[in-house]
Amino acid sequence: MGGVLKKIRAVLAAPPEPFLVTGRSKRRVQELVDAAGERAFVLNVGAGYTFYGPRVVNVDIFDSGTTTIIASALALPFADGCADLVVLQGVLEHVRDAERTLSECYRVLKPGGLFYTEMPFLQPYHESPIDMRRATRPGLAHLCAPLEEVESGIHIGPASAMTWMLRELLAQLISGGSFDIYRRVSSLVGWVVFPLRYADYALERIPHLVTIASSCYYLGRKKPG
């Protein structure tokens, strides 16, 4: 009985994430990697635990088990103009120098090569190990200004934004600044509110709702010359 109770407590302490990355969003990067071709040189910078196949070079500051090269996004150990595709998912909010990070990605990209990134817009503070910035879709496009925009839009939808904000607001208010109470309340509230995120299966397909999206994506091409 004691073992069963421990398992129940463990489950209750870890509710589903308040945000939803749909299959549509997950496929976007894989489709870019596949379209680049077998001979393409693809860099996944700040890759974390993502894996898009054995020919993609995963770069991060720690070994996640799928990391190919341990290096900083601020000083990529690659020659100028060597990559056909550079992927930078959920990294810009966690680096101290976003401009330098982007500059390094542009430097290693071939003329005509593609650059894909994602960045939070309406999300609560979350460290990994720091949390520095947010961007609207126009703001993200401005950060990536040296590139020619191919497309941009909703990465994580507005229902996720509301779900995460509601969970955080209730947990912070009820906890009164106590981390222990916050952790417990956040778990309980998380189980109550997480179903709201599933509305994003429909809402992320409505382009103008990017103005209240949880996260935006940007795909750009490096101009020749």
C-alpha atoms as a PDB file:
ATOM      1  CA  MET A   1       0.000   0.000   0.000  1.00  0.00           C
ATOM      2  CA  GLY A   2       2.842   2.370   0.879  1.00  0.00           C
ATOM      3  CA  GLY A   3       4.393   1.888  -2.555  1.00  0.00           C
ATOM      4  CA  VAL A   4       1.091   2.667  -4.266  1.00  0.00           C
ATOM      5  CA  LEU A   5       0.653   5.862  -2.243  1.00  0.00           C
ATOM      6  CA  LYS A   6       4.176   6.981  -3.151  1.00  0.00           C
ATOM      7  CA  LYS A   7       3.418   6.466  -6.844  1.00  0.00           C
ATOM      8  CA  ILE A   8       0.173   8.442  -6.544  1.00  0.00           C
ATOM      9  CA  ARG A   9       1.988  11.304  -4.785  1.00  0.00           C
ATOM     10  CA  ALA A  10       4.682  11.272  -7.461  1.00  0.00           C
ATOM     11  CA  VAL A  11       2.071  11.505 -10.227  1.00  0.00           C
ATOM     12  CA  LEU A  12       0.180  14.315  -8.502  1.00  0.00           C
ATOM     13  CA  ALA A  13       3.434  16.226  -7.980  1.00  0.00           C
ATOM     14  CA  ALA A  14       4.167  16.199 -11.716  1.00  0.00           C
ATOM     15  CA  PRO A  15       1.140  17.401 -13.705  1.00  0.00           C
ATOM     16  CA  PRO A  16       1.345  17.733 -17.511  1.00  0.00           C
ATOM     17  CA  GLU A  17       3.089  20.814 -18.866  1.00  0.00           C
ATOM     18  CA  PRO A  18       0.761  23.828 -19.099  1.00  0.00           C
ATOM     19  CA  PHE A  19       1.768  24.408 -22.726  1.00  0.00           C
ATOM     20  CA  LEU A  20       1.199  22.260 -25.794  1.00  0.00           C
ATOM     21  CA  VAL A  21       3.638  21.817 -28.669  1.00  0.00           C
ATOM     22  CA  THR A  22       1.418  20.180 -31.271  1.00  0.00           C
ATOM     23  CA  GLY A  23       2.556  17.676 -33.860  1.00  0.00           C
ATOM     24  CA  ARG A  24       2.210  20.433 -36.458  1.00  0.00           C
ATOM     25  CA  SER A  25       4.878  22.489 -34.672  1.00  0.00           C
ATOM     26  CA  LYS A  26       7.105  19.484 -34.027  1.00  0.00           C
ATOM     27  CA  ARG A  27       7.014  18.469 -37.688  1.00  0.00           C
ATOM     28  CA  ARG A  28       8.087  21.915 -38.877  1.00  0.00           C
ATOM     29  CA  VAL A  29      11.758  21.446 -37.986  1.00  0.00           C
ATOM     30  CA  GLN A  30      11.892  17.811 -39.059  1.00  0.00           C
ATOM     31  CA  GLU A  31      10.483  18.793 -42.451  1.00  0.00           C
ATOM     32  CA  LEU A  32      13.162  21.478 -42.828  1.00  0.00           C
ATOM     33  CA  VAL A  33      15.884  18.951 -41.972  1.00  0.00           C
ATOM     34  CA  ASP A  34      14.480  16.393 -44.417  1.00  0.00           C
ATOM     35  CA  ALA A  35      14.081  19.001 -47.176  1.00  0.00           C
ATOM     36  CA  ALA A  36      17.710  20.092 -46.792  1.00  0.00           C
ATOM     37  CA  GLY A  37      18.800  16.755 -48.228  1.00  0.00           C
ATOM     38  CA  GLU A  38      21.191  14.009 -47.160  1.00  0.00           C
ATOM     39  CA  ARG A  39      24.301  15.951 -48.150  1.00  0.00           C
ATOM     40  CA  ALA A  40      23.318  19.113 -46.268  1.00  0.00           C
ATOM     41  CA  PHE A  41      25.258  20.289 -43.238  1.00  0.00           C
ATOM     42  CA  VAL A  42      22.656  20.984 -40.528  1.00  0.00           C
ATOM     43  CA  LEU A  43      23.447  22.581 -37.167  1.00  0.00           C
ATOM     44  CA  ASN A  44      21.081  22.331 -34.206  1.00  0.00           C
ATOM     45  CA  VAL A  45      22.419  25.000 -31.821  1.00  0.00           C
ATOM     46  CA  GLY A  46      21.375  24.752 -28.176  1.00  0.00           C
ATOM     47  CA  ALA A  47      19.914  21.367 -29.090  1.00  0.00           C
ATOM     48  CA  GLY A  48      19.227  20.145 -25.559  1.00  0.00           C
ATOM     49  CA  TYR A  49      17.501  16.775 -25.791  1.00  0.00           C
ATOM     50  CA  THR A  50      16.135  17.225 -29.312  1.00  0.00           C
ATOM     51  CA  PHE A  51      17.133  14.760 -32.019  1.00  0.00           C
ATOM     52  CA  TYR A  52      16.406  15.165 -35.732  1.00  0.00           C
ATOM     53  CA  GLY A  53      18.519  12.312 -37.035  1.00  0.00           C
ATOM     54  CA  PRO A  54      22.154  11.173 -36.988  1.00  0.00           C
ATOM     55  CA  ARG A  55      23.342  13.603 -39.682  1.00  0.00           C
ATOM     56  CA  VAL A  56      22.285  16.694 -37.699  1.00  0.00           C
ATOM     57  CA  VAL A  57      25.105  18.171 -35.612  1.00  0.00           C
ATOM     58  CA  ASN A  58      23.758  18.921 -32.123  1.00  0.00           C
ATOM     59  CA  VAL A  59      25.612  21.700 -30.280  1.00  0.00           C
ATOM     60  CA  ASP A  60      25.105  22.544 -26.606  1.00  0.00           C
ATOM     61  CA  ILE A  61      27.018  23.553 -23.470  1.00  0.00           C
ATOM     62  CA  PHE A  62      26.307  20.164 -21.828  1.00  0.00           C
ATOM     63  CA  ASP A  63      26.097  16.534 -22.918  1.00  0.00           C
ATOM     64  CA  SER A  64      22.420  15.597 -23.107  1.00  0.00           C
ATOM     65  CA  GLY A  65      23.087  12.195 -24.591  1.00  0.00           C
ATOM     66  CA  THR A  66      22.335  13.441 -28.107  1.00  0.00           C
ATOM     67  CA  THR A  67      24.979  16.197 -28.078  1.00  0.00           C
ATOM     68  CA  THR A  68      27.522  15.989 -30.909  1.00  0.00           C
ATOM     69  CA  ILE A  69      29.759  18.897 -29.902  1.00  0.00           C
ATOM     70  CA  ILE A  70      29.972  20.748 -26.587  1.00  0.00           C
ATOM     71  CA  ALA A  71      30.356  24.450 -27.352  1.00  0.00           C
ATOM     72  CA  SER A  72      28.792  27.838 -26.662  1.00  0.00           C
ATOM     73  CA  ALA A  73      26.340  29.447 -29.073  1.00  0.00           C
ATOM     74  CA  LEU A  74      28.385  32.613 -28.568  1.00  0.00           C
ATOM     75  CA  ALA A  75      31.441  31.041 -30.227  1.00  0.00           C
ATOM     76  CA  LEU A  76      30.509  28.255 -32.625  1.00  0.00           C
ATOM     77  CA  PRO A  77      33.521  26.121 -33.627  1.00  0.00           C
ATOM     78  CA  PHE A  78      32.653  26.068 -37.341  1.00  0.00           C
ATOM     79  CA  ALA A  79      33.943  27.840 -40.436  1.00  0.00           C
ATOM     80  CA  ASP A  80      32.123  30.766 -42.046  1.00  0.00           C
ATOM     81  CA  GLY A  81      29.387  29.792 -44.508  1.00  0.00           C
ATOM     82  CA  CYS A  82      29.466  26.057 -43.863  1.00  0.00           C
ATOM     83  CA  ALA A  83      25.845  25.267 -42.872  1.00  0.00           C
ATOM     84  CA  ASP A  84      22.833  24.749 -45.129  1.00  0.00           C
ATOM     85  CA  LEU A  85      20.416  24.986 -42.195  1.00  0.00           C
ATOM     86  CA  VAL A  86      20.797  26.325 -38.651  1.00  0.00           C
ATOM     87  CA  VAL A  87      18.163  25.540 -36.013  1.00  0.00           C
ATOM     88  CA  LEU A  88      17.930  27.561 -32.787  1.00  0.00           C
ATOM     89  CA  GLN A  89      14.922  26.469 -30.719  1.00  0.00           C
ATOM     90  CA  GLY A  90      14.086  28.071 -27.378  1.00  0.00           C
ATOM     91  CA  VAL A  91      17.585  29.471 -26.920  1.00  0.00           C
ATOM     92  CA  LEU A  92      17.404  33.247 -27.387  1.00  0.00           C
ATOM     93  CA  GLU A  93      15.518  33.827 -24.134  1.00  0.00           C
ATOM     94  CA  HIS A  94      18.189  31.919 -22.206  1.00  0.00           C
ATOM     95  CA  VAL A  95      21.399  33.593 -23.446  1.00  0.00           C
ATOM     96  CA  ARG A  96      22.895  36.809 -22.092  1.00  0.00           C
ATOM     97  CA  ASP A  97      23.815  38.119 -25.543  1.00  0.00           C
ATOM     98  CA  ALA A  98      21.112  37.397 -28.131  1.00  0.00           C
ATOM     99  CA  GLU A  99      22.714  39.562 -30.821  1.00  0.00           C
ATOM    100  CA  ARG A 100      26.032  37.740 -30.604  1.00  0.00           C
ATOM    101  CA  THR A 101      24.277  34.369 -30.629  1.00  0.00           C
ATOM    102  CA  LEU A 102      22.391  35.316 -33.788  1.00  0.00           C
ATOM    103  CA  SER A 103      25.542  36.770 -35.337  1.00  0.00           C
ATOM    104  CA  GLU A 104      27.313  33.433 -34.867  1.00  0.00           C
ATOM    105  CA  CYS A 105      24.410  31.573 -36.458  1.00  0.00           C
ATOM    106  CA  TYR A 106      24.458  33.936 -39.448  1.00  0.00           C
ATOM    107  CA  ARG A 107      28.240  33.621 -39.755  1.00  0.00           C
ATOM    108  CA  VAL A 108      28.215  29.836 -40.154  1.00  0.00           C
ATOM    109  CA  LEU A 109      25.224  29.885 -42.532  1.00  0.00           C
ATOM    110  CA  LYS A 110      25.808  29.598 -46.268  1.00  0.00           C
ATOM    111  CA  PRO A 111      24.436  32.315 -48.560  1.00  0.00           C
ATOM    112  CA  GLY A 112      20.973  31.064 -49.440  1.00  0.00           C
ATOM    113  CA  GLY A 113      20.919  28.863 -46.328  1.00  0.00           C
ATOM    114  CA  LEU A 114      17.959  28.719 -43.958  1.00  0.00           C
ATOM    115  CA  PHE A 115      17.761  29.772 -40.314  1.00  0.00           C
ATOM    116  CA  TYR A 116      14.933  28.634 -38.026  1.00  0.00           C
ATOM    117  CA  THR A 117      14.268  29.895 -34.504  1.00  0.00           C
ATOM    118  CA  GLU A 118      11.560  29.939 -31.844  1.00  0.00           C
ATOM    119  CA  MET A 119      11.166  32.400 -28.987  1.00  0.00           C
ATOM    120  CA  PRO A 120       8.581  32.928 -26.226  1.00  0.00           C
ATOM    121  CA  PHE A 121       6.134  35.822 -26.350  1.00  0.00           C
ATOM    122  CA  LEU A 122       3.545  35.333 -23.574  1.00  0.00           C
ATOM    123  CA  GLN A 123       5.184  32.947 -21.115  1.00  0.00           C
ATOM    124  CA  PRO A 124       5.958  33.186 -17.390  1.00  0.00           C
ATOM    125  CA  TYR A 125       9.540  33.516 -16.221  1.00  0.00           C
ATOM    126  CA  HIS A 126      11.436  30.210 -16.423  1.00  0.00           C
ATOM    127  CA  GLU A 127      15.147  29.739 -15.841  1.00  0.00           C
ATOM    128  CA  SER A 128      17.426  27.488 -17.880  1.00  0.00           C
ATOM    129  CA  PRO A 129      19.711  28.623 -16.227  1.00  0.00           C
ATOM    130  CA  ILE A 130      18.585  32.253 -16.826  1.00  0.00           C
ATOM    131  CA  ASP A 131      15.578  33.839 -18.532  1.00  0.00           C
ATOM    132  CA  MET A 132      16.324  37.167 -20.213  1.00  0.00           C
ATOM    133  CA  ARG A 133      13.789  38.203 -22.875  1.00  0.00           C
ATOM    134  CA  ARG A 134      10.568  37.792 -24.867  1.00  0.00           C
ATOM    135  CA  ALA A 135       9.549  38.813 -28.398  1.00  0.00           C
ATOM    136  CA  THR A 136       6.450  39.416 -30.474  1.00  0.00           C
ATOM    137  CA  ARG A 137       6.477  38.065 -34.025  1.00  0.00           C
ATOM    138  CA  PRO A 138       7.582  41.481 -35.426  1.00  0.00           C
ATOM    139  CA  GLY A 139      10.119  41.727 -32.621  1.00  0.00           C
ATOM    140  CA  LEU A 140      11.590  38.335 -33.473  1.00  0.00           C
ATOM    141  CA  ALA A 141      11.720  39.276 -37.156  1.00  0.00           C
ATOM    142  CA  HIS A 142      13.542  42.485 -36.203  1.00  0.00           C
ATOM    143  CA  LEU A 143      16.124  40.504 -34.216  1.00  0.00           C
ATOM    144  CA  CYS A 144      16.698  38.380 -37.318  1.00  0.00           C
ATOM    145  CA  ALA A 145      16.754  41.428 -39.617  1.00  0.00           C
ATOM    146  CA  PRO A 146      19.878  40.534 -41.654  1.00  0.00           C
ATOM    147  CA  LEU A 147      17.901  37.600 -43.050  1.00  0.00           C
ATOM    148  CA  GLU A 148      15.137  37.564 -45.648  1.00  0.00           C
ATOM    149  CA  GLU A 149      11.936  36.305 -44.001  1.00  0.00           C
ATOM    150  CA  VAL A 150      10.468  33.148 -45.523  1.00  0.00           C
ATOM    151  CA  GLU A 151       7.665  32.720 -42.999  1.00  0.00           C
ATOM    152  CA  SER A 152       6.794  33.292 -39.354  1.00  0.00           C
ATOM    153  CA  GLY A 153       3.868  32.684 -37.037  1.00  0.00           C
ATOM    154  CA  ILE A 154       2.560  30.804 -34.019  1.00  0.00           C
ATOM    155  CA  HIS A 155       4.834  28.186 -32.496  1.00  0.00           C
ATOM    156  CA  ILE A 156       2.855  27.586 -29.275  1.00  0.00           C
ATOM    157  CA  GLY A 157      -0.706  28.879 -29.239  1.00  0.00           C
ATOM    158  CA  PRO A 158      -2.769  31.283 -27.129  1.00  0.00           C
ATOM    159  CA  ALA A 159      -4.544  28.582 -25.102  1.00  0.00           C
ATOM    160  CA  SER A 160      -1.161  27.482 -23.777  1.00  0.00           C
ATOM    161  CA  ALA A 161      -0.340  31.094 -22.932  1.00  0.00           C
ATOM    162  CA  MET A 162      -3.530  31.406 -20.872  1.00  0.00           C
ATOM    163  CA  THR A 163      -3.109  27.983 -19.227  1.00  0.00           C
ATOM    164  CA  TRP A 164       0.457  28.670 -18.122  1.00  0.00           C
ATOM    165  CA  MET A 165      -0.333  32.224 -16.934  1.00  0.00           C
ATOM    166  CA  LEU A 166      -3.373  31.048 -14.963  1.00  0.00           C
ATOM    167  CA  ARG A 167      -1.419  28.252 -13.281  1.00  0.00           C
ATOM    168  CA  GLU A 168       1.390  30.638 -12.361  1.00  0.00           C
ATOM    169  CA  LEU A 169      -0.925  33.421 -11.170  1.00  0.00           C
ATOM    170  CA  LEU A 170      -2.957  31.178  -8.846  1.00  0.00           C
ATOM    171  CA  ALA A 171       0.111  29.419  -7.457  1.00  0.00           C
ATOM    172  CA  GLN A 172       1.940  32.685  -6.776  1.00  0.00           C
ATOM    173  CA  LEU A 173      -1.071  34.353  -5.147  1.00  0.00           C
ATOM    174  CA  ILE A 174      -1.936  31.422  -2.889  1.00  0.00           C
ATOM    175  CA  SER A 175       1.679  30.688  -1.891  1.00  0.00           C
ATOM    176  CA  GLY A 176       2.251  34.149  -0.436  1.00  0.00           C
ATOM    177  CA  GLY A 177       5.919  33.968  -1.401  1.00  0.00           C
ATOM    178  CA  SER A 178       6.576  30.529   0.149  1.00  0.00           C
ATOM    179  CA  PHE A 179       8.391  28.310  -2.350  1.00  0.00           C
ATOM    180  CA  ASP A 180       7.232  25.093  -0.665  1.00  0.00           C
ATOM    181  CA  ILE A 181       3.574  26.147  -0.790  1.00  0.00           C
ATOM    182  CA  TYR A 182       4.047  27.446  -4.349  1.00  0.00           C
ATOM    183  CA  ARG A 183       5.435  24.094  -5.505  1.00  0.00           C
ATOM    184  CA  ARG A 184       2.519  22.155  -3.989  1.00  0.00           C
ATOM    185  CA  VAL A 185      -0.183  24.549  -5.211  1.00  0.00           C
ATOM    186  CA  SER A 186       1.362  24.748  -8.673  1.00  0.00           C
ATOM    187  CA  SER A 187       1.101  20.962  -8.978  1.00  0.00           C
ATOM    188  CA  LEU A 188      -2.524  20.883  -7.848  1.00  0.00           C
ATOM    189  CA  VAL A 189      -3.568  23.795 -10.053  1.00  0.00           C
ATOM    190  CA  GLY A 190      -1.634  22.265 -12.924  1.00  0.00           C
ATOM    191  CA  TRP A 191      -3.899  19.218 -12.914  1.00  0.00           C
ATOM    192  CA  VAL A 192      -6.992  21.445 -12.979  1.00  0.00           C
ATOM    193  CA  VAL A 193      -6.009  23.829 -15.775  1.00  0.00           C
ATOM    194  CA  PHE A 194      -3.898  21.763 -18.175  1.00  0.00           C
ATOM    195  CA  PRO A 195      -6.848  20.564 -20.355  1.00  0.00           C
ATOM    196  CA  LEU A 196      -7.280  24.171 -21.541  1.00  0.00           C
ATOM    197  CA  ARG A 197      -4.094  23.882 -23.575  1.00  0.00           C
ATOM    198  CA  TYR A 198      -5.703  21.428 -26.013  1.00  0.00           C
ATOM    199  CA  ALA A 199      -7.694  24.262 -27.564  1.00  0.00           C
ATOM    200  CA  ASP A 200      -4.442  25.129 -29.342  1.00  0.00           C
ATOM    201  CA  TYR A 201      -5.023  22.309 -31.820  1.00  0.00           C
ATOM    202  CA  ALA A 202      -7.583  24.676 -33.356  1.00  0.00           C
ATOM    203  CA  LEU A 203      -6.377  28.109 -32.224  1.00  0.00           C
ATOM    204  CA  GLU A 204      -2.804  27.854 -33.531  1.00  0.00           C
ATOM    205  CA  ARG A 205      -4.236  27.596 -37.048  1.00  0.00           C
ATOM    206  CA  ILE A 206      -5.743  31.104 -36.800  1.00  0.00           C
ATOM    207  CA  PRO A 207      -2.893  33.399 -37.987  1.00  0.00           C
ATOM    208  CA  HIS A 208      -4.012  36.651 -36.346  1.00  0.00           C
ATOM    209  CA  LEU A 209      -3.947  35.008 -32.887  1.00  0.00           C
ATOM    210  CA  VAL A 210      -0.165  35.325 -33.051  1.00  0.00           C
ATOM    211  CA  THR A 211      -0.777  38.576 -31.120  1.00  0.00           C
ATOM    212  CA  ILE A 212      -1.573  36.459 -28.023  1.00  0.00           C
ATOM    213  CA  ALA A 213       0.588  33.396 -28.741  1.00  0.00           C
ATOM    214  CA  SER A 214       2.718  31.719 -26.117  1.00  0.00           C
ATOM    215  CA  SER A 215       5.636  31.450 -28.548  1.00  0.00           C
ATOM    216  CA  CYS A 216       6.484  32.533 -32.113  1.00  0.00           C
ATOM    217  CA  TYR A 217       8.662  31.030 -34.816  1.00  0.00           C
ATOM    218  CA  TYR A 218      10.705  32.608 -37.597  1.00  0.00           C
ATOM    219  CA  LEU A 219      12.201  31.089 -40.739  1.00  0.00           C
ATOM    220  CA  GLY A 220      14.650  33.207 -42.702  1.00  0.00           C
ATOM    221  CA  ARG A 221      17.101  32.882 -45.576  1.00  0.00           C
ATOM    222  CA  LYS A 222      20.615  34.328 -45.706  1.00  0.00           C
ATOM    223  CA  LYS A 223      20.868  36.714 -48.634  1.00  0.00           C
ATOM    224  CA  PRO A 224      23.494  35.926 -51.291  1.00  0.00           C
ATOM    225  CA  GLY A 225      26.607  38.074 -51.373  1.00  0.00           C
END
